[in-house]
Amino acid sequence: MDENEKLPFTAHLEELRDRLIHCAIAIAVGFAISYIFKEKLFQILTRPLIQVMEQGDTLIFTGIPEAFFTYLKVSLLTGILLAIPVIMYEFWMFVAPGLYKNERRLLVPIALISSVFFVGGALFGYFIVFPYGFKFLLGFATETLRPLPSMKEYLSFATKLLLAFGLVFELPLVITFLARLGLVTVPFLKRNRKYALVLFFAGSAFLTPPDVVTQVMMAIPLMLLYEISILGARLFGRPPLGQDRAEPETETEET
């Protein structure tokens, strides 16, 4: 809590602009690198689906430019994943003025941990959810119904799931951060566990395809992550805001 609090609103907007530019540059660099390996990356991305398809079946593209734009989007998705450390760092540095000095020292480790959680969530979706989910969805094929997934449809489907799992795996860090600010407490989290469970299943139904398998496979990790969040709030949380209002003033006077 220092002179950053006295900055005008336009200065904060300028800082946000600069950090967004840094994120865009990082994504652009990741995109350029990824585009060199676009065919291999798309092959890796589609492997969970190909492995559960009937022998001889392949993905198709129904529009003339579809394959070209699909490779562009795959490169962009990979570029975002490569830029996650930079994105997380810029995000936490943007909120740094609202933190105490001793808390700002943790920003770099927090940015790294955020990146690990995001990538871990995406990998969980790829290695665990994709195989079972695709096997379930393709199980509706019959002798008269043959699945012909297109490149565009698959990429849209996979991107949505990968980003969703990456974001939901940030739950422990978000809740721990709120606890550190005194906005939530361990008793509050325990008391509202049953409501969180309902929200997890509702959110999973919104973020995943309309089948029970993928919804449950997202909701269960969220339940485990919620329990990790309670542990994080216990270790790093502080009393509610109303109980330590004098703390910032005391620290300011001492500094």
Protein backbone atom coordinates (compact mmCIF):
# COMPACT_ATOMS: atom_id res chain seq x y z
CA MET A 1 0.00 0.00 0.00
CA ASP A 2 2.09 2.99 -1.16
CA GLU A 3 2.16 5.79 -3.69
CA ASN A 4 0.57 3.52 -6.31
CA GLU A 5 -2.76 4.16 -4.56
CA LYS A 6 -2.49 7.86 -5.53
CA LEU A 7 -2.17 7.20 -9.23
CA PRO A 8 -5.08 8.57 -11.28
CA PHE A 9 -7.46 6.21 -13.00
CA THR A 10 -5.95 7.01 -16.41
CA ALA A 11 -2.54 5.84 -15.15
CA HIS A 12 -4.02 2.48 -14.22
CA LEU A 13 -5.57 2.24 -17.67
CA GLU A 14 -2.19 2.97 -19.24
CA GLU A 15 -0.60 0.28 -17.09
CA LEU A 16 -3.32 -2.18 -18.13
CA ARG A 17 -2.71 -1.29 -21.77
CA ASP A 18 1.03 -1.86 -21.43
CA ARG A 19 0.55 -5.23 -19.75
CA LEU A 20 -1.95 -6.31 -22.40
CA ILE A 21 0.58 -5.36 -25.06
CA HIS A 22 3.22 -7.50 -23.33
CA CYS A 23 0.78 -10.43 -23.26
CA ALA A 24 -0.06 -9.92 -26.95
CA ILE A 25 3.64 -9.89 -27.86
CA ALA A 26 4.23 -13.10 -25.89
CA ILE A 27 1.28 -14.76 -27.63
CA ALA A 28 2.50 -13.55 -31.02
CA VAL A 29 5.96 -15.04 -30.41
CA GLY A 30 4.39 -18.30 -29.27
CA PHE A 31 2.13 -18.28 -32.33
CA ALA A 32 5.06 -17.77 -34.70
CA ILE A 33 6.98 -20.65 -33.15
CA SER A 34 3.93 -22.91 -33.10
CA TYR A 35 3.02 -22.26 -36.72
CA ILE A 36 6.27 -23.89 -37.83
CA PHE A 37 5.02 -27.15 -36.29
CA LYS A 38 1.33 -26.69 -37.06
CA GLU A 39 0.74 -30.11 -38.68
CA LYS A 40 2.46 -31.97 -35.85
CA LEU A 41 0.61 -29.95 -33.23
CA PHE A 42 -2.75 -30.67 -34.83
CA GLN A 43 -1.84 -34.35 -35.01
CA ILE A 44 -1.07 -34.34 -31.29
CA LEU A 45 -4.27 -32.46 -30.50
CA THR A 46 -6.44 -34.94 -32.41
CA ARG A 47 -4.73 -38.08 -31.09
CA PRO A 48 -7.30 -38.76 -28.32
CA LEU A 49 -10.08 -38.70 -30.92
CA ILE A 50 -8.24 -40.71 -33.57
CA GLN A 51 -7.47 -43.45 -31.05
CA VAL A 52 -11.17 -44.09 -30.35
CA MET A 53 -12.37 -43.79 -33.96
CA GLU A 54 -12.98 -46.83 -36.14
CA GLN A 55 -10.03 -47.99 -38.19
CA GLY A 56 -9.91 -46.10 -41.46
CA ASP A 57 -11.96 -43.13 -40.20
CA THR A 58 -10.37 -39.70 -40.39
CA LEU A 59 -11.22 -36.08 -39.77
CA ILE A 60 -12.53 -34.10 -42.72
CA PHE A 61 -12.78 -30.46 -43.75
CA THR A 62 -15.89 -29.24 -45.56
CA GLY A 63 -14.75 -25.77 -46.59
CA ILE A 64 -11.90 -24.93 -48.94
CA PRO A 65 -10.04 -22.63 -46.45
CA GLU A 66 -11.03 -24.69 -43.39
CA ALA A 67 -7.74 -26.56 -43.04
CA PHE A 68 -5.70 -23.36 -43.37
CA PHE A 69 -7.68 -21.49 -40.71
CA THR A 70 -7.70 -24.55 -38.46
CA TYR A 71 -3.89 -24.64 -38.50
CA LEU A 72 -3.85 -20.93 -37.68
CA LYS A 73 -6.13 -21.49 -34.70
CA VAL A 74 -4.08 -24.45 -33.49
CA SER A 75 -0.98 -22.27 -33.62
CA LEU A 76 -2.79 -19.52 -31.73
CA LEU A 77 -3.99 -21.95 -29.05
CA THR A 78 -0.46 -23.30 -28.61
CA GLY A 79 0.91 -19.76 -28.58
CA ILE A 80 -1.44 -18.90 -25.71
CA LEU A 81 -0.30 -21.96 -23.77
CA LEU A 82 3.34 -21.03 -24.33
CA ALA A 83 2.64 -17.47 -23.20
CA ILE A 84 0.82 -18.51 -20.01
CA PRO A 85 3.81 -17.70 -17.72
CA VAL A 86 3.97 -14.17 -19.15
CA ILE A 87 0.19 -13.73 -18.97
CA MET A 88 0.05 -14.86 -15.35
CA TYR A 89 3.01 -12.66 -14.41
CA GLU A 90 1.46 -9.58 -16.02
CA PHE A 91 -1.86 -10.26 -14.30
CA TRP A 92 -0.34 -10.56 -10.85
CA MET A 93 1.88 -7.52 -11.42
CA PHE A 94 -1.22 -5.52 -12.33
CA VAL A 95 -2.85 -6.34 -8.98
CA ALA A 96 0.43 -5.80 -7.10
CA PRO A 97 -0.38 -2.21 -6.01
CA GLY A 98 -3.19 -3.62 -3.87
CA LEU A 99 -0.81 -5.87 -1.95
CA TYR A 100 1.60 -5.33 0.91
CA LYS A 101 5.33 -5.23 0.22
CA ASN A 102 5.96 -8.64 1.76
CA GLU A 103 3.19 -10.08 -0.41
CA ARG A 104 4.64 -8.61 -3.61
CA ARG A 105 7.77 -10.71 -3.16
CA LEU A 106 5.59 -13.76 -3.77
CA LEU A 107 4.32 -12.55 -7.15
CA VAL A 108 6.91 -14.37 -9.26
CA PRO A 109 6.36 -17.72 -7.47
CA ILE A 110 2.60 -17.18 -7.69
CA ALA A 111 2.85 -16.50 -11.43
CA LEU A 112 4.83 -19.72 -11.91
CA ILE A 113 2.39 -21.72 -9.79
CA SER A 114 -0.53 -20.21 -11.72
CA SER A 115 1.08 -21.34 -14.97
CA VAL A 116 1.64 -24.85 -13.62
CA PHE A 117 -1.98 -25.11 -12.47
CA PHE A 118 -3.32 -23.87 -15.81
CA VAL A 119 -1.17 -26.21 -17.88
CA GLY A 120 -1.93 -29.03 -15.43
CA GLY A 121 -5.65 -28.48 -15.94
CA ALA A 122 -5.26 -28.52 -19.73
CA LEU A 123 -3.20 -31.73 -19.54
CA PHE A 124 -5.81 -33.31 -17.28
CA GLY A 125 -8.45 -32.55 -19.89
CA TYR A 126 -6.28 -33.91 -22.70
CA PHE A 127 -5.07 -37.14 -21.10
CA ILE A 128 -7.99 -38.03 -18.82
CA VAL A 129 -11.19 -36.42 -20.04
CA PHE A 130 -10.71 -36.51 -23.82
CA PRO A 131 -10.30 -40.29 -24.23
CA TYR A 132 -13.35 -41.19 -22.11
CA GLY A 133 -15.46 -38.32 -23.39
CA PHE A 134 -14.79 -39.04 -27.07
CA LYS A 135 -15.33 -42.75 -26.57
CA PHE A 136 -18.70 -42.04 -24.99
CA LEU A 137 -19.79 -39.58 -27.69
CA LEU A 138 -18.69 -41.79 -30.59
CA GLY A 139 -20.50 -44.71 -29.00
CA PHE A 140 -23.73 -43.45 -30.54
CA ALA A 141 -22.52 -44.50 -34.00
CA THR A 142 -24.45 -47.34 -35.64
CA GLU A 143 -24.43 -49.16 -38.95
CA THR A 144 -26.52 -46.37 -40.41
CA LEU A 145 -24.87 -43.50 -38.47
CA ARG A 146 -21.23 -42.80 -39.15
CA PRO A 147 -19.35 -39.99 -37.36
CA LEU A 148 -17.52 -37.61 -39.67
CA PRO A 149 -15.98 -34.96 -37.38
CA SER A 150 -14.52 -31.98 -39.19
CA MET A 151 -11.27 -30.19 -38.34
CA LYS A 152 -13.10 -26.98 -37.50
CA GLU A 153 -15.66 -28.59 -35.21
CA TYR A 154 -13.08 -30.66 -33.37
CA LEU A 155 -10.74 -27.72 -32.80
CA SER A 156 -13.57 -25.58 -31.43
CA PHE A 157 -14.66 -28.42 -29.15
CA ALA A 158 -11.14 -29.23 -27.92
CA THR A 159 -10.15 -25.59 -27.41
CA LYS A 160 -13.20 -24.91 -25.28
CA LEU A 161 -12.49 -27.91 -23.06
CA LEU A 162 -8.74 -27.30 -22.72
CA LEU A 163 -9.19 -23.66 -21.75
CA ALA A 164 -12.05 -24.54 -19.40
CA PHE A 165 -9.99 -27.13 -17.54
CA GLY A 166 -7.02 -24.78 -17.43
CA LEU A 167 -9.11 -22.02 -15.87
CA VAL A 168 -10.93 -24.15 -13.32
CA PHE A 169 -7.63 -25.50 -12.04
CA GLU A 170 -6.80 -21.94 -10.95
CA LEU A 171 -9.47 -22.23 -8.25
CA PRO A 172 -7.09 -22.89 -5.32
CA LEU A 173 -4.96 -19.86 -6.14
CA VAL A 174 -7.98 -17.58 -6.58
CA ILE A 175 -9.58 -18.61 -3.29
CA THR A 176 -6.25 -18.47 -1.43
CA PHE A 177 -5.70 -14.97 -2.83
CA LEU A 178 -9.19 -13.89 -1.67
CA ALA A 179 -8.46 -15.37 1.76
CA ARG A 180 -5.18 -13.47 1.87
CA LEU A 181 -7.12 -10.26 1.23
CA GLY A 182 -9.53 -11.15 4.05
CA LEU A 183 -12.51 -11.49 1.69
CA VAL A 184 -13.18 -15.14 2.52
CA THR A 185 -12.36 -17.26 5.55
CA VAL A 186 -11.97 -20.97 6.27
CA PRO A 187 -15.27 -21.17 8.22
CA PHE A 188 -17.03 -19.44 5.32
CA LEU A 189 -15.61 -21.92 2.81
CA LYS A 190 -16.53 -24.92 4.96
CA ARG A 191 -20.01 -23.58 5.64
CA ASN A 192 -20.72 -23.09 1.93
CA ARG A 193 -19.17 -26.35 0.71
CA LYS A 194 -22.57 -27.80 -0.31
CA TYR A 195 -23.42 -24.71 -2.36
CA ALA A 196 -20.01 -24.85 -4.04
CA LEU A 197 -20.73 -28.46 -5.00
CA VAL A 198 -23.95 -27.40 -6.74
CA LEU A 199 -22.11 -24.58 -8.54
CA PHE A 200 -19.39 -26.99 -9.67
CA PHE A 201 -21.86 -29.32 -11.33
CA ALA A 202 -23.79 -26.40 -12.85
CA GLY A 203 -20.57 -24.87 -14.16
CA SER A 204 -19.40 -28.22 -15.51
CA ALA A 205 -22.68 -28.64 -17.36
CA PHE A 206 -22.16 -25.21 -18.94
CA LEU A 207 -18.49 -25.62 -19.85
CA THR A 208 -18.53 -29.23 -21.07
CA PRO A 209 -20.53 -31.06 -23.75
CA PRO A 210 -24.04 -32.19 -22.80
CA ASP A 211 -23.02 -35.61 -21.51
CA VAL A 212 -22.72 -36.85 -17.95
CA VAL A 213 -19.22 -38.30 -18.37
CA THR A 214 -17.31 -35.08 -19.04
CA GLN A 215 -19.46 -33.11 -16.59
CA VAL A 216 -18.61 -35.46 -13.74
CA MET A 217 -14.94 -35.58 -14.78
CA MET A 218 -14.77 -31.80 -14.41
CA ALA A 219 -16.88 -31.56 -11.25
CA ILE A 220 -14.86 -34.15 -9.28
CA PRO A 221 -11.50 -32.34 -9.73
CA LEU A 222 -13.24 -29.09 -8.78
CA MET A 223 -14.38 -30.66 -5.51
CA LEU A 224 -10.80 -31.75 -4.77
CA LEU A 225 -9.46 -28.33 -5.74
CA TYR A 226 -11.98 -26.71 -3.40
CA GLU A 227 -10.60 -28.74 -0.50
CA ILE A 228 -7.07 -27.67 -1.50
CA SER A 229 -8.37 -24.09 -1.51
CA ILE A 230 -9.55 -24.46 2.09
CA LEU A 231 -6.08 -25.66 3.05
CA GLY A 232 -4.51 -22.70 1.23
CA ALA A 233 -6.89 -20.30 2.99
CA ARG A 234 -5.96 -21.85 6.34
CA LEU A 235 -2.22 -21.45 5.69
CA PHE A 236 -2.15 -18.02 4.04
CA GLY A 237 -5.44 -16.36 4.96
CA ARG A 238 -5.82 -13.37 7.26
CA PRO A 239 -8.70 -12.17 9.46
CA PRO A 240 -11.71 -10.58 7.73
CA LEU A 241 -11.28 -6.99 6.59
CA GLY A 242 -13.31 -5.57 9.45
CA GLN A 243 -10.96 -7.08 12.03
CA ASP A 244 -7.65 -5.65 10.79
CA ARG A 245 -8.43 -2.25 9.34
CA ALA A 246 -5.73 -0.70 11.43
CA GLU A 247 -3.03 -2.94 10.05
CA PRO A 248 -2.39 -1.05 6.77
CA GLU A 249 -2.17 2.29 8.64
CA THR A 250 0.28 0.85 11.16
CA GLU A 251 2.46 -0.58 8.40
CA THR A 252 2.36 2.71 6.52
CA GLU A 253 3.47 4.63 9.58
CA GLU A 254 6.33 2.23 10.20
CA THR A 255 7.55 2.45 6.62
